[in-house]
């Protein structure tokens, strides 16, 4: 029974890390750090994109109930919301384009579309900033783990050559360390890939909602431009 417990302890993750040489340890530490940072991004981004979606729904409800665009803009201008900044970009361009004596209606419509389109792109870039790290971890972590695997197997062959013994007791530690490095690489990569695909879809949905709001607001301002004409 004592032998079995000792063997189990030797094959534990902590023991495998302590038995590994400095190269494999470096690979494991790097992959664990990447995994921790990945999970921090996953959790924080989940809360963030959920907050953005709720903010869009609430803003659209208030916008539909508003009677005066200028008064509504004064009320929501200070809010830290992507849809609010898109709305402010449209109002700001509207005011700039309609303050003169002569109004270029076609140019005003084009500038409104450009201003709100640029605001939407800026908000999406800001929202998707940290997703690049998830994509990088998902693509690179398995190969980093594979590097640790190759190094551990090379170490096992070196042990065989040094001791001139190919028994399992000689090669098992190096192979176990190698496979553990691969496992850590997959542990870091799999959640990163899943989260990246899921959140990319969520960002695309947010972009579509912002574009729909911008199109609707552009149509409202276009009708107002015709009425003032």
Foldseek 3Di string as FASTA:
>chain_A
DVVVVVVVVCLDPVNLLVPDDPLLVVLLVVLVVLQVVLVVCLVVLVVVLVVQVVVLVVVVVVVVVDDDLVVVLVVCVPDPHLLNVLSVQLVVLLCVQPVDPDHDLVVSLVSSLVRSVVSLVVVLCVSCVCLVSLVVLLVCLLVSLQVLLVVLQVVLVVQCVVVVDDDCVSNVSSNSSSVVSNVSSCSRNVVSVVSSVVVVVSSVVSSVSSVVVSVVVSVVVSVVVVVVD
